[in-house]
C-alpha atoms as a PDB file:
ATOM      1  CA  UNK A   1      81.028  15.536 -40.646  1.00  0.00           C
ATOM      2  CA  UNK A   2      78.370  12.956 -41.601  1.00  0.00           C
ATOM      3  CA  UNK A   3      80.619  10.080 -40.388  1.00  0.00           C
ATOM      4  CA  UNK A   4      81.169  11.871 -37.057  1.00  0.00           C
ATOM      5  CA  UNK A   5      77.421  12.318 -36.491  1.00  0.00           C
ATOM      6  CA  UNK A   6      76.463   8.740 -37.375  1.00  0.00           C
ATOM      7  CA  UNK A   7      77.837   7.058 -34.187  1.00  0.00           C
ATOM      8  CA  UNK A   8      76.129   9.672 -31.990  1.00  0.00           C
ATOM      9  CA  UNK A   9      72.768   9.110 -33.727  1.00  0.00           C
ATOM     10  CA  UNK A  10      73.126   5.350 -33.365  1.00  0.00           C
ATOM     11  CA  UNK A  11      73.914   5.604 -29.640  1.00  0.00           C
ATOM     12  CA  UNK A  12      70.861   7.857 -29.141  1.00  0.00           C
ATOM     13  CA  UNK A  13      68.623   5.383 -31.028  1.00  0.00           C
ATOM     14  CA  UNK A  14      69.881   2.512 -28.827  1.00  0.00           C
ATOM     15  CA  UNK A  15      69.143   4.491 -25.633  1.00  0.00           C
ATOM     16  CA  UNK A  16      65.664   5.298 -26.913  1.00  0.00           C
ATOM     17  CA  UNK A  17      64.996   1.650 -27.739  1.00  0.00           C
ATOM     18  CA  UNK A  18      66.261   0.369 -24.353  1.00  0.00           C
ATOM     19  CA  UNK A  19      64.261   2.957 -22.442  1.00  0.00           C
ATOM     20  CA  UNK A  20      61.087   1.990 -24.351  1.00  0.00           C
ATOM     21  CA  UNK A  21      61.741  -1.726 -23.804  1.00  0.00           C
ATOM     22  CA  UNK A  22      62.207  -1.280 -20.041  1.00  0.00           C
ATOM     23  CA  UNK A  23      59.064   0.840 -19.875  1.00  0.00           C
ATOM     24  CA  UNK A  24      56.920  -1.737 -21.690  1.00  0.00           C
ATOM     25  CA  UNK A  25      58.180  -4.527 -19.417  1.00  0.00           C
ATOM     26  CA  UNK A  26      57.312  -2.598 -16.275  1.00  0.00           C
ATOM     27  CA  UNK A  27      53.994  -1.365 -17.611  1.00  0.00           C
ATOM     28  CA  UNK A  28      52.064  -4.565 -16.828  1.00  0.00           C
ATOM     29  CA  UNK A  29      52.690  -4.175 -13.098  1.00  0.00           C
ATOM     30  CA  UNK A  30      51.508  -0.590 -13.180  1.00  0.00           C
ATOM     31  CA  UNK A  31      48.454  -1.091 -15.409  1.00  0.00           C
ATOM     32  CA  UNK A  32      46.043  -0.573 -12.531  1.00  0.00           C
ATOM     33  CA  UNK A  33      47.734   2.607 -11.345  1.00  0.00           C
ATOM     34  CA  UNK A  34      46.204   5.946 -12.354  1.00  0.00           C
ATOM     35  CA  UNK A  35      47.778   7.549 -15.400  1.00  0.00           C
ATOM     36  CA  UNK A  36      49.320  10.848 -14.439  1.00  0.00           C
ATOM     37  CA  UNK A  37      51.782  13.146 -16.132  1.00  0.00           C
ATOM     38  CA  UNK A  38      54.788  12.095 -13.991  1.00  0.00           C
ATOM     39  CA  UNK A  39      56.818   9.087 -15.185  1.00  0.00           C
ATOM     40  CA  UNK A  40      56.988   6.003 -12.903  1.00  0.00           C
ATOM     41  CA  UNK A  41      59.929   5.663 -10.511  1.00  0.00           C
ATOM     42  CA  UNK A  42      61.176   2.540 -12.315  1.00  0.00           C
ATOM     43  CA  UNK A  43      61.819   4.543 -15.464  1.00  0.00           C
ATOM     44  CA  UNK A  44      65.380   5.863 -15.855  1.00  0.00           C
ATOM     45  CA  UNK A  45      65.549   9.589 -15.217  1.00  0.00           C
ATOM     46  CA  UNK A  46      67.096  10.310 -18.599  1.00  0.00           C
ATOM     47  CA  UNK A  47      65.495  12.960 -20.756  1.00  0.00           C
ATOM     48  CA  UNK A  48      65.006  10.432 -23.567  1.00  0.00           C
ATOM     49  CA  UNK A  49      63.122   7.940 -21.397  1.00  0.00           C
ATOM     50  CA  UNK A  50      60.854  10.610 -19.901  1.00  0.00           C
ATOM     51  CA  UNK A  51      60.000  12.038 -23.326  1.00  0.00           C
ATOM     52  CA  UNK A  52      59.128   8.564 -24.598  1.00  0.00           C
ATOM     53  CA  UNK A  53      56.914   7.873 -21.573  1.00  0.00           C
ATOM     54  CA  UNK A  54      54.983  11.118 -21.962  1.00  0.00           C
ATOM     55  CA  UNK A  55      54.564  10.518 -25.692  1.00  0.00           C
ATOM     56  CA  UNK A  56      53.082   7.078 -25.020  1.00  0.00           C
ATOM     57  CA  UNK A  57      50.724   8.560 -22.410  1.00  0.00           C
ATOM     58  CA  UNK A  58      49.333  10.871 -25.090  1.00  0.00           C
ATOM     59  CA  UNK A  59      48.665   7.971 -27.471  1.00  0.00           C
ATOM     60  CA  UNK A  60      45.559   5.746 -27.117  1.00  0.00           C
ATOM     61  CA  UNK A  61      46.173   2.249 -25.788  1.00  0.00           C
ATOM     62  CA  UNK A  62      45.643  -0.680 -28.099  1.00  0.00           C
ATOM     63  CA  UNK A  63      41.969  -1.619 -28.164  1.00  0.00           C
ATOM     64  CA  UNK A  64      41.030   1.396 -26.035  1.00  0.00           C
ATOM     65  CA  UNK A  65      41.478   4.204 -28.507  1.00  0.00           C
ATOM     66  CA  UNK A  66      37.834   5.313 -28.474  1.00  0.00           C
ATOM     67  CA  UNK A  67      36.592   8.094 -26.264  1.00  0.00           C
ATOM     68  CA  UNK A  68      35.235   6.996 -22.924  1.00  0.00           C
ATOM     69  CA  UNK A  69      31.575   6.105 -23.265  1.00  0.00           C
ATOM     70  CA  UNK A  70      28.899   7.925 -21.324  1.00  0.00           C
ATOM     71  CA  UNK A  71      27.081   5.861 -18.689  1.00  0.00           C
ATOM     72  CA  UNK A  72      24.086   4.041 -20.136  1.00  0.00           C
ATOM     73  CA  UNK A  73      20.757   5.007 -18.597  1.00  0.00           C
ATOM     74  CA  UNK A  74      18.054   2.368 -18.666  1.00  0.00           C
ATOM     75  CA  UNK A  75      14.677   3.551 -19.876  1.00  0.00           C
ATOM     76  CA  UNK A  76      11.262   2.734 -18.509  1.00  0.00           C
ATOM     77  CA  UNK A  77       9.592   0.221 -20.805  1.00  0.00           C
ATOM     78  CA  UNK A  78       7.398   1.915 -23.405  1.00  0.00           C
ATOM     79  CA  UNK A  79       8.671   5.400 -22.584  1.00  0.00           C
ATOM     80  CA  UNK A  80      10.107   8.083 -24.845  1.00  0.00           C
ATOM     81  CA  UNK A  81      12.472  10.981 -24.229  1.00  0.00           C
ATOM     82  CA  UNK A  82      11.300  14.567 -24.570  1.00  0.00           C
ATOM     83  CA  UNK A  83      14.155  17.012 -25.085  1.00  0.00           C
ATOM     84  CA  UNK A  84      14.502  20.776 -25.016  1.00  0.00           C
ATOM     85  CA  UNK A  85      13.422  23.374 -22.490  1.00  0.00           C
ATOM     86  CA  UNK A  86      10.046  24.351 -23.991  1.00  0.00           C
ATOM     87  CA  UNK A  87       8.658  20.804 -24.517  1.00  0.00           C
ATOM     88  CA  UNK A  88       9.834  19.650 -21.094  1.00  0.00           C
ATOM     89  CA  UNK A  89       8.543  22.769 -19.345  1.00  0.00           C
ATOM     90  CA  UNK A  90       5.056  22.467 -20.859  1.00  0.00           C
ATOM     91  CA  UNK A  91       4.919  18.692 -20.384  1.00  0.00           C
ATOM     92  CA  UNK A  92       5.607  19.203 -16.671  1.00  0.00           C
ATOM     93  CA  UNK A  93       3.167  22.102 -16.428  1.00  0.00           C
ATOM     94  CA  UNK A  94       0.260  20.303 -18.087  1.00  0.00           C
ATOM     95  CA  UNK A  95       1.028  16.709 -17.036  1.00  0.00           C
ATOM     96  CA  UNK A  96      -1.232  15.308 -19.756  1.00  0.00           C
ATOM     97  CA  UNK A  97       0.775  12.089 -19.917  1.00  0.00           C
ATOM     98  CA  UNK A  98       2.576   9.792 -17.496  1.00  0.00           C
ATOM     99  CA  UNK A  99       5.948  11.274 -16.469  1.00  0.00           C
ATOM    100  CA  UNK A 100       8.806   9.198 -15.060  1.00  0.00           C
ATOM    101  CA  UNK A 101      12.155  11.012 -14.625  1.00  0.00           C
ATOM    102  CA  UNK A 102      13.757  14.360 -15.339  1.00  0.00           C
ATOM    103  CA  UNK A 103      17.384  14.438 -16.511  1.00  0.00           C
ATOM    104  CA  UNK A 104      19.414  17.626 -16.116  1.00  0.00           C
ATOM    105  CA  UNK A 105      22.932  18.268 -17.345  1.00  0.00           C
ATOM    106  CA  UNK A 106      25.588  18.364 -14.639  1.00  0.00           C
ATOM    107  CA  UNK A 107      26.865  21.870 -13.979  1.00  0.00           C
ATOM    108  CA  UNK A 108      30.592  22.548 -13.622  1.00  0.00           C
ATOM    109  CA  UNK A 109      30.232  26.299 -13.490  1.00  0.00           C
ATOM    110  CA  UNK A 110      27.716  29.081 -14.093  1.00  0.00           C
ATOM    111  CA  UNK A 111      25.785  28.974 -17.370  1.00  0.00           C
ATOM    112  CA  UNK A 112      22.978  30.943 -18.964  1.00  0.00           C
ATOM    113  CA  UNK A 113      20.485  28.071 -18.817  1.00  0.00           C
ATOM    114  CA  UNK A 114      21.200  27.098 -15.218  1.00  0.00           C
ATOM    115  CA  UNK A 115      18.311  29.063 -13.585  1.00  0.00           C
ATOM    116  CA  UNK A 116      15.799  27.579 -16.036  1.00  0.00           C
ATOM    117  CA  UNK A 117      17.051  24.044 -15.429  1.00  0.00           C
ATOM    118  CA  UNK A 118      16.910  24.622 -11.677  1.00  0.00           C
ATOM    119  CA  UNK A 119      13.293  25.748 -12.020  1.00  0.00           C
ATOM    120  CA  UNK A 120      12.478  22.629 -14.035  1.00  0.00           C
ATOM    121  CA  UNK A 121      14.039  20.521 -11.285  1.00  0.00           C
ATOM    122  CA  UNK A 122      11.782  22.167  -8.687  1.00  0.00           C
ATOM    123  CA  UNK A 123       8.755  21.674 -10.922  1.00  0.00           C
ATOM    124  CA  UNK A 124       9.539  17.975 -11.364  1.00  0.00           C
ATOM    125  CA  UNK A 125      10.185  17.489  -7.655  1.00  0.00           C
ATOM    126  CA  UNK A 126       6.806  19.046  -6.886  1.00  0.00           C
ATOM    127  CA  UNK A 127       5.234  16.329  -9.060  1.00  0.00           C
ATOM    128  CA  UNK A 128       7.169  13.652  -7.188  1.00  0.00           C
ATOM    129  CA  UNK A 129       9.485  12.841 -10.110  1.00  0.00           C
ATOM    130  CA  UNK A 130      13.101  11.761  -9.614  1.00  0.00           C
ATOM    131  CA  UNK A 131      15.554  14.413 -10.812  1.00  0.00           C
ATOM    132  CA  UNK A 132      18.889  13.047 -12.071  1.00  0.00           C
ATOM    133  CA  UNK A 133      21.960  15.172 -12.832  1.00  0.00           C
ATOM    134  CA  UNK A 134      23.976  13.440 -15.540  1.00  0.00           C
ATOM    135  CA  UNK A 135      26.848  14.286 -17.941  1.00  0.00           C
ATOM    136  CA  UNK A 136      25.997  15.967 -21.213  1.00  0.00           C
ATOM    137  CA  UNK A 137      27.100  12.843 -23.112  1.00  0.00           C
ATOM    138  CA  UNK A 138      24.426  10.833 -21.334  1.00  0.00           C
ATOM    139  CA  UNK A 139      21.774  13.306 -22.475  1.00  0.00           C
ATOM    140  CA  UNK A 140      23.141  13.055 -26.023  1.00  0.00           C
ATOM    141  CA  UNK A 141      22.608   9.297 -25.908  1.00  0.00           C
ATOM    142  CA  UNK A 142      19.135   9.612 -24.422  1.00  0.00           C
ATOM    143  CA  UNK A 143      17.847  11.853 -27.200  1.00  0.00           C
ATOM    144  CA  UNK A 144      20.137  10.423 -29.908  1.00  0.00           C
ATOM    145  CA  UNK A 145      22.093  13.595 -30.500  1.00  0.00           C
ATOM    146  CA  UNK A 146      19.148  15.998 -30.736  1.00  0.00           C
ATOM    147  CA  UNK A 147      19.490  19.570 -29.328  1.00  0.00           C
ATOM    148  CA  UNK A 148      18.396  18.943 -25.733  1.00  0.00           C
ATOM    149  CA  UNK A 149      19.560  22.250 -24.127  1.00  0.00           C
ATOM    150  CA  UNK A 150      20.654  20.276 -21.077  1.00  0.00           C
ATOM    151  CA  UNK A 151      17.174  18.899 -20.332  1.00  0.00           C
ATOM    152  CA  UNK A 152      15.463  15.561 -21.052  1.00  0.00           C
ATOM    153  CA  UNK A 153      12.234  14.138 -19.678  1.00  0.00           C
ATOM    154  CA  UNK A 154      11.262  10.479 -19.686  1.00  0.00           C
ATOM    155  CA  UNK A 155       7.538  10.195 -20.378  1.00  0.00           C
ATOM    156  CA  UNK A 156       4.849   7.975 -21.847  1.00  0.00           C
ATOM    157  CA  UNK A 157       3.931   8.639 -25.503  1.00  0.00           C
ATOM    158  CA  UNK A 158       1.177  11.182 -26.105  1.00  0.00           C
ATOM    159  CA  UNK A 159      -1.550   9.649 -28.297  1.00  0.00           C
ATOM    160  CA  UNK A 160      -3.956  11.348 -30.669  1.00  0.00           C
ATOM    161  CA  UNK A 161      -7.370  12.063 -29.250  1.00  0.00           C
ATOM    162  CA  UNK A 162     -10.269  10.276 -30.896  1.00  0.00           C
ATOM    163  CA  UNK A 163     -12.993  12.342 -32.521  1.00  0.00           C
ATOM    164  CA  UNK A 164     -15.495   9.802 -31.252  1.00  0.00           C
ATOM    165  CA  UNK A 165     -14.632  10.835 -27.692  1.00  0.00           C
ATOM    166  CA  UNK A 166     -14.571  14.578 -28.376  1.00  0.00           C
ATOM    167  CA  UNK A 167     -17.434  16.715 -27.147  1.00  0.00           C
ATOM    168  CA  UNK A 168     -18.918  18.984 -29.778  1.00  0.00           C
ATOM    169  CA  UNK A 169     -18.938  22.590 -28.488  1.00  0.00           C
ATOM    170  CA  UNK A 170     -22.189  24.477 -28.554  1.00  0.00           C
ATOM    171  CA  UNK A 171     -22.392  27.945 -30.135  1.00  0.00           C
ATOM    172  CA  UNK A 172     -21.152  30.536 -27.654  1.00  0.00           C
ATOM    173  CA  UNK A 173     -19.363  27.948 -25.521  1.00  0.00           C
ATOM    174  CA  UNK A 174     -16.374  25.649 -25.562  1.00  0.00           C
ATOM    175  CA  UNK A 175     -13.233  25.827 -27.620  1.00  0.00           C
ATOM    176  CA  UNK A 176     -14.019  28.832 -29.843  1.00  0.00           C
ATOM    177  CA  UNK A 177     -15.665  31.061 -27.238  1.00  0.00           C
ATOM    178  CA  UNK A 178     -18.460  32.195 -29.611  1.00  0.00           C
ATOM    179  CA  UNK A 179     -16.167  32.895 -32.583  1.00  0.00           C
ATOM    180  CA  UNK A 180     -16.699  31.436 -36.015  1.00  0.00           C
ATOM    181  CA  UNK A 181     -15.217  27.954 -35.683  1.00  0.00           C
ATOM    182  CA  UNK A 182     -12.124  26.975 -37.669  1.00  0.00           C
ATOM    183  CA  UNK A 183     -10.616  23.501 -37.846  1.00  0.00           C
ATOM    184  CA  UNK A 184      -7.426  22.382 -39.586  1.00  0.00           C
ATOM    185  CA  UNK A 185      -7.348  18.882 -41.094  1.00  0.00           C
ATOM    186  CA  UNK A 186      -4.042  17.242 -42.057  1.00  0.00           C
ATOM    187  CA  UNK A 187      -3.979  14.430 -44.602  1.00  0.00           C
ATOM    188  CA  UNK A 188      -0.926  12.162 -44.438  1.00  0.00           C
ATOM    189  CA  UNK A 189       1.610  14.618 -43.039  1.00  0.00           C
ATOM    190  CA  UNK A 190       4.685  12.448 -42.513  1.00  0.00           C
ATOM    191  CA  UNK A 191       7.547  14.767 -41.564  1.00  0.00           C
ATOM    192  CA  UNK A 192       7.652  15.380 -37.771  1.00  0.00           C
ATOM    193  CA  UNK A 193       9.271  18.794 -38.276  1.00  0.00           C
ATOM    194  CA  UNK A 194       6.407  19.837 -40.558  1.00  0.00           C
ATOM    195  CA  UNK A 195       3.794  18.505 -38.159  1.00  0.00           C
ATOM    196  CA  UNK A 196       5.352  20.409 -35.271  1.00  0.00           C
ATOM    197  CA  UNK A 197       5.485  23.641 -37.287  1.00  0.00           C
ATOM    198  CA  UNK A 198       1.852  23.174 -38.373  1.00  0.00           C
ATOM    199  CA  UNK A 199       0.699  22.738 -34.777  1.00  0.00           C
ATOM    200  CA  UNK A 200       2.605  25.810 -33.647  1.00  0.00           C
ATOM    201  CA  UNK A 201       1.119  27.986 -36.409  1.00  0.00           C
ATOM    202  CA  UNK A 202      -2.398  26.637 -35.863  1.00  0.00           C
ATOM    203  CA  UNK A 203      -2.255  27.325 -32.137  1.00  0.00           C
ATOM    204  CA  UNK A 204      -0.766  30.808 -32.571  1.00  0.00           C
ATOM    205  CA  UNK A 205      -3.246  31.930 -35.248  1.00  0.00           C
ATOM    206  CA  UNK A 206      -6.335  30.720 -33.414  1.00  0.00           C
ATOM    207  CA  UNK A 207      -7.340  27.410 -35.016  1.00  0.00           C
ATOM    208  CA  UNK A 208      -9.834  25.700 -32.726  1.00  0.00           C
ATOM    209  CA  UNK A 209      -9.050  22.080 -33.494  1.00  0.00           C
ATOM    210  CA  UNK A 210      -6.495  20.062 -35.460  1.00  0.00           C
ATOM    211  CA  UNK A 211      -7.461  16.692 -36.925  1.00  0.00           C
ATOM    212  CA  UNK A 212      -4.933  14.352 -38.563  1.00  0.00           C
ATOM    213  CA  UNK A 213      -5.463  11.172 -40.532  1.00  0.00           C
ATOM    214  CA  UNK A 214      -4.597   8.172 -38.398  1.00  0.00           C
ATOM    215  CA  UNK A 215      -2.992   6.066 -41.118  1.00  0.00           C
ATOM    216  CA  UNK A 216       0.128   6.998 -43.070  1.00  0.00           C
ATOM    217  CA  UNK A 217       0.786  10.016 -40.850  1.00  0.00           C
ATOM    218  CA  UNK A 218       3.460  11.057 -38.391  1.00  0.00           C
ATOM    219  CA  UNK A 219       2.821  10.233 -34.721  1.00  0.00           C
ATOM    220  CA  UNK A 220       3.055  12.769 -31.887  1.00  0.00           C
ATOM    221  CA  UNK A 221       6.741  12.143 -31.220  1.00  0.00           C
ATOM    222  CA  UNK A 222       9.319  14.092 -29.179  1.00  0.00           C
ATOM    223  CA  UNK A 223      10.612  15.611 -32.427  1.00  0.00           C
ATOM    224  CA  UNK A 224       7.110  16.950 -33.132  1.00  0.00           C
ATOM    225  CA  UNK A 225       6.965  18.400 -29.628  1.00  0.00           C
ATOM    226  CA  UNK A 226      10.347  20.070 -30.085  1.00  0.00           C
ATOM    227  CA  UNK A 227       9.446  21.454 -33.539  1.00  0.00           C
ATOM    228  CA  UNK A 228       6.202  22.838 -32.127  1.00  0.00           C
ATOM    229  CA  UNK A 229       8.090  24.540 -29.250  1.00  0.00           C
ATOM    230  CA  UNK A 230       5.968  22.471 -26.865  1.00  0.00           C
ATOM    231  CA  UNK A 231       2.599  23.327 -28.466  1.00  0.00           C
ATOM    232  CA  UNK A 232       1.882  19.618 -28.734  1.00  0.00           C
ATOM    233  CA  UNK A 233       1.877  19.434 -24.923  1.00  0.00           C
ATOM    234  CA  UNK A 234      -0.956  21.972 -24.526  1.00  0.00           C
ATOM    235  CA  UNK A 235      -2.988  21.664 -27.744  1.00  0.00           C
ATOM    236  CA  UNK A 236      -5.131  18.578 -28.375  1.00  0.00           C
ATOM    237  CA  UNK A 237      -4.584  16.819 -31.695  1.00  0.00           C
ATOM    238  CA  UNK A 238      -7.377  14.552 -32.896  1.00  0.00           C
ATOM    239  CA  UNK A 239      -7.302  11.765 -35.452  1.00  0.00           C
ATOM    240  CA  UNK A 240      -9.721  10.102 -37.823  1.00  0.00           C
ATOM    241  CA  UNK A 241      -9.409   6.784 -39.627  1.00  0.00           C
ATOM    242  CA  UNK A 242     -11.976   7.742 -42.304  1.00  0.00           C
ATOM    243  CA  UNK A 243     -11.253  11.244 -43.534  1.00  0.00           C
ATOM    244  CA  UNK A 244     -13.724  11.299 -46.423  1.00  0.00           C
ATOM    245  CA  UNK A 245     -16.654  10.202 -44.229  1.00  0.00           C
ATOM    246  CA  UNK A 246     -15.654  12.767 -41.595  1.00  0.00           C
ATOM    247  CA  UNK A 247     -15.589  15.627 -44.134  1.00  0.00           C
ATOM    248  CA  UNK A 248     -18.867  14.490 -45.698  1.00  0.00           C
ATOM    249  CA  UNK A 249     -20.559  14.458 -42.284  1.00  0.00           C
ATOM    250  CA  UNK A 250     -19.276  17.957 -41.408  1.00  0.00           C
ATOM    251  CA  UNK A 251     -20.525  19.300 -44.739  1.00  0.00           C
ATOM    252  CA  UNK A 252     -23.964  17.884 -43.960  1.00  0.00           C
ATOM    253  CA  UNK A 253     -23.847  19.743 -40.615  1.00  0.00           C
ATOM    254  CA  UNK A 254     -23.351  23.064 -42.410  1.00  0.00           C
ATOM    255  CA  UNK A 255     -19.564  23.392 -42.359  1.00  0.00           C
ATOM    256  CA  UNK A 256     -17.678  24.636 -45.392  1.00  0.00           C
ATOM    257  CA  UNK A 257     -14.780  22.388 -46.409  1.00  0.00           C
ATOM    258  CA  UNK A 258     -11.954  23.960 -48.412  1.00  0.00           C
ATOM    259  CA  UNK A 259      -8.848  22.259 -49.674  1.00  0.00           C
ATOM    260  CA  UNK A 260      -5.454  23.639 -50.581  1.00  0.00           C
ATOM    261  CA  UNK A 261      -3.464  23.275 -53.779  1.00  0.00           C
ATOM    262  CA  UNK A 262      -0.058  24.463 -54.952  1.00  0.00           C
ATOM    263  CA  UNK A 263      -0.745  24.006 -58.691  1.00  0.00           C
ATOM    264  CA  UNK A 264      -4.296  25.078 -59.629  1.00  0.00           C
ATOM    265  CA  UNK A 265      -4.000  23.472 -63.063  1.00  0.00           C
ATOM    266  CA  UNK A 266      -3.904  20.048 -61.386  1.00  0.00           C
ATOM    267  CA  UNK A 267      -7.422  20.422 -59.933  1.00  0.00           C
ATOM    268  CA  UNK A 268     -10.511  19.271 -61.842  1.00  0.00           C
ATOM    269  CA  UNK A 269     -14.151  19.657 -60.894  1.00  0.00           C
ATOM    270  CA  UNK A 270     -13.565  21.971 -57.883  1.00  0.00           C
ATOM    271  CA  UNK A 271     -13.298  25.793 -58.174  1.00  0.00           C
ATOM    272  CA  UNK A 272      -9.910  27.261 -57.232  1.00  0.00           C
ATOM    273  CA  UNK A 273      -9.563  30.789 -55.820  1.00  0.00           C
ATOM    274  CA  UNK A 274      -6.753  32.847 -54.324  1.00  0.00           C
ATOM    275  CA  UNK A 275      -6.572  32.812 -50.533  1.00  0.00           C
ATOM    276  CA  UNK A 276      -6.690  36.634 -50.563  1.00  0.00           C
ATOM    277  CA  UNK A 277     -10.122  36.524 -52.259  1.00  0.00           C
ATOM    278  CA  UNK A 278     -11.605  33.893 -49.978  1.00  0.00           C
ATOM    279  CA  UNK A 279     -14.370  34.937 -47.559  1.00  0.00           C
ATOM    280  CA  UNK A 280     -16.084  32.711 -45.018  1.00  0.00           C
ATOM    281  CA  UNK A 281     -19.260  33.207 -43.001  1.00  0.00           C
ATOM    282  CA  UNK A 282     -19.868  29.771 -41.469  1.00  0.00           C
ATOM    283  CA  UNK A 283     -17.848  27.096 -39.650  1.00  0.00           C
ATOM    284  CA  UNK A 284     -14.809  26.228 -41.743  1.00  0.00           C
ATOM    285  CA  UNK A 285     -12.532  23.240 -42.238  1.00  0.00           C
ATOM    286  CA  UNK A 286      -9.222  23.790 -44.057  1.00  0.00           C
ATOM    287  CA  UNK A 287      -7.641  20.589 -45.387  1.00  0.00           C
ATOM    288  CA  UNK A 288      -3.866  20.411 -45.959  1.00  0.00           C
ATOM    289  CA  UNK A 289      -2.359  17.614 -48.041  1.00  0.00           C
ATOM    290  CA  UNK A 290       0.843  15.632 -47.702  1.00  0.00           C
ATOM    291  CA  UNK A 291       4.318  16.989 -48.439  1.00  0.00           C
ATOM    292  CA  UNK A 292       4.843  15.166 -51.715  1.00  0.00           C
ATOM    293  CA  UNK A 293       1.420  14.399 -53.150  1.00  0.00           C
ATOM    294  CA  UNK A 294      -0.877  17.088 -51.736  1.00  0.00           C
ATOM    295  CA  UNK A 295      -4.537  16.216 -51.262  1.00  0.00           C
ATOM    296  CA  UNK A 296      -5.758  12.886 -52.566  1.00  0.00           C
ATOM    297  CA  UNK A 297      -8.394  12.961 -55.302  1.00  0.00           C
ATOM    298  CA  UNK A 298     -10.971  11.456 -52.912  1.00  0.00           C
ATOM    299  CA  UNK A 299     -10.408  14.293 -50.448  1.00  0.00           C
ATOM    300  CA  UNK A 300     -10.505  16.975 -53.159  1.00  0.00           C
ATOM    301  CA  UNK A 301     -13.979  15.780 -54.155  1.00  0.00           C
ATOM    302  CA  UNK A 302     -15.209  16.455 -50.602  1.00  0.00           C
ATOM    303  CA  UNK A 303     -14.156  20.135 -50.829  1.00  0.00           C
ATOM    304  CA  UNK A 304     -16.454  22.949 -51.938  1.00  0.00           C
ATOM    305  CA  UNK A 305     -13.503  25.125 -52.981  1.00  0.00           C
ATOM    306  CA  UNK A 306      -9.733  24.956 -53.269  1.00  0.00           C
ATOM    307  CA  UNK A 307      -7.419  27.715 -52.028  1.00  0.00           C
ATOM    308  CA  UNK A 308      -4.151  28.669 -53.687  1.00  0.00           C
ATOM    309  CA  UNK A 309      -1.336  31.085 -52.803  1.00  0.00           C
ATOM    310  CA  UNK A 310      -0.394  33.193 -55.833  1.00  0.00           C
ATOM    311  CA  UNK A 311       3.378  33.454 -56.328  1.00  0.00           C
ATOM    312  CA  UNK A 312       5.106  36.808 -56.470  1.00  0.00           C
ATOM    313  CA  UNK A 313       7.217  36.014 -59.532  1.00  0.00           C
ATOM    314  CA  UNK A 314       7.607  33.643 -62.457  1.00  0.00           C
ATOM    315  CA  UNK A 315       8.752  30.407 -60.850  1.00  0.00           C
ATOM    316  CA  UNK A 316      11.439  27.974 -61.921  1.00  0.00           C
ATOM    317  CA  UNK A 317       9.815  24.601 -62.731  1.00  0.00           C
ATOM    318  CA  UNK A 318      11.807  22.920 -59.970  1.00  0.00           C
ATOM    319  CA  UNK A 319      10.682  25.480 -57.329  1.00  0.00           C
ATOM    320  CA  UNK A 320       6.953  25.758 -57.870  1.00  0.00           C
ATOM    321  CA  UNK A 321       5.568  25.309 -54.358  1.00  0.00           C
ATOM    322  CA  UNK A 322       6.040  26.183 -50.693  1.00  0.00           C
ATOM    323  CA  UNK A 323       6.884  23.981 -47.752  1.00  0.00           C
ATOM    324  CA  UNK A 324       3.616  22.609 -46.389  1.00  0.00           C
ATOM    325  CA  UNK A 325       3.971  24.265 -42.980  1.00  0.00           C
ATOM    326  CA  UNK A 326       4.875  27.630 -44.549  1.00  0.00           C
ATOM    327  CA  UNK A 327       1.918  27.442 -46.950  1.00  0.00           C
ATOM    328  CA  UNK A 328      -0.435  26.527 -44.112  1.00  0.00           C
ATOM    329  CA  UNK A 329       0.785  29.485 -42.069  1.00  0.00           C
ATOM    330  CA  UNK A 330       0.092  31.915 -44.934  1.00  0.00           C
ATOM    331  CA  UNK A 331      -3.366  30.454 -45.587  1.00  0.00           C
ATOM    332  CA  UNK A 332      -4.361  30.406 -41.932  1.00  0.00           C
ATOM    333  CA  UNK A 333      -3.200  33.973 -41.387  1.00  0.00           C
ATOM    334  CA  UNK A 334      -5.255  35.130 -44.364  1.00  0.00           C
ATOM    335  CA  UNK A 335      -8.318  33.294 -43.062  1.00  0.00           C
ATOM    336  CA  UNK A 336      -7.942  34.147 -39.378  1.00  0.00           C
ATOM    337  CA  UNK A 337      -7.367  37.852 -40.079  1.00  0.00           C
ATOM    338  CA  UNK A 338     -11.022  38.037 -41.167  1.00  0.00           C
ATOM    339  CA  UNK A 339     -12.008  37.231 -37.602  1.00  0.00           C
ATOM    340  CA  UNK A 340     -10.181  40.306 -36.371  1.00  0.00           C
ATOM    341  CA  UNK A 341     -11.733  42.555 -39.010  1.00  0.00           C
ATOM    342  CA  UNK A 342     -15.191  41.306 -38.042  1.00  0.00           C
ATOM    343  CA  UNK A 343     -14.499  41.644 -34.343  1.00  0.00           C
ATOM    344  CA  UNK A 344     -14.761  37.925 -33.519  1.00  0.00           C
END
């Protein structure tokens, strides 16, 4: 039986080889032709030859095995790419920075986000911006793989505002509308996700102004805008290049300056109290330290008190603190809730 099958297998192998050889020889003349699923007319109509041709069509060509690249989109010099519906929507609505082009994902059928993207296109057109419909892969390249939701906006960077140029509100007017004023100061926050979350919490809970250290801190990047759900586009963020002098001057003006600490035993020379016991009756500045180091010693010495969040259990030594944006949200809620109780 095995000897009877051997000649048949050999003849089949020869036919397969000859069909492949003829196909490779004729392929150069047909290289420019579109690749379809039907074999070329020059190929013998044997089942073996057709199967070989279709198999080779399914394999990547030598040197061209990578997926087809998305078209490259040239950027305006000095621009950055905002991504996500909320940041783009608020950037268009407020127009606080120079805007260049809106990129929307091409639609090949109905989708849940299509009406929102259409509205963004109308909003951009009303501002005189070009609106480009591009493949999703092009948007992926523009925002380097971030979750863009089918929307990207080319814009100039949004800088910090300088405290030197900020107008100081008078009691009963301006940013706080007559409420007890509350500012949040950020010392050396470096993670853009944390900065975005801090801005979102501060805006939601009623903080009047956010001030960040200019050096060794995260910039107002598109990632910050995305993490803040667009809050960065509507809420001014100020900066100072001399935090200790700024805090000292505000204390002289009658403000209370309080710092924050995750481990009270690390603080010397400044009283530490629980945030639930803290009461305030004059303008207040809350200072939040960096993710890894907390407040610097120089900044701690400018604080009248330090606030701590008591844990709800005995903590493992490796898990003895909260994420900086989570801790700030708890502290600010505790502080801002006093406004509501007092009717501010």
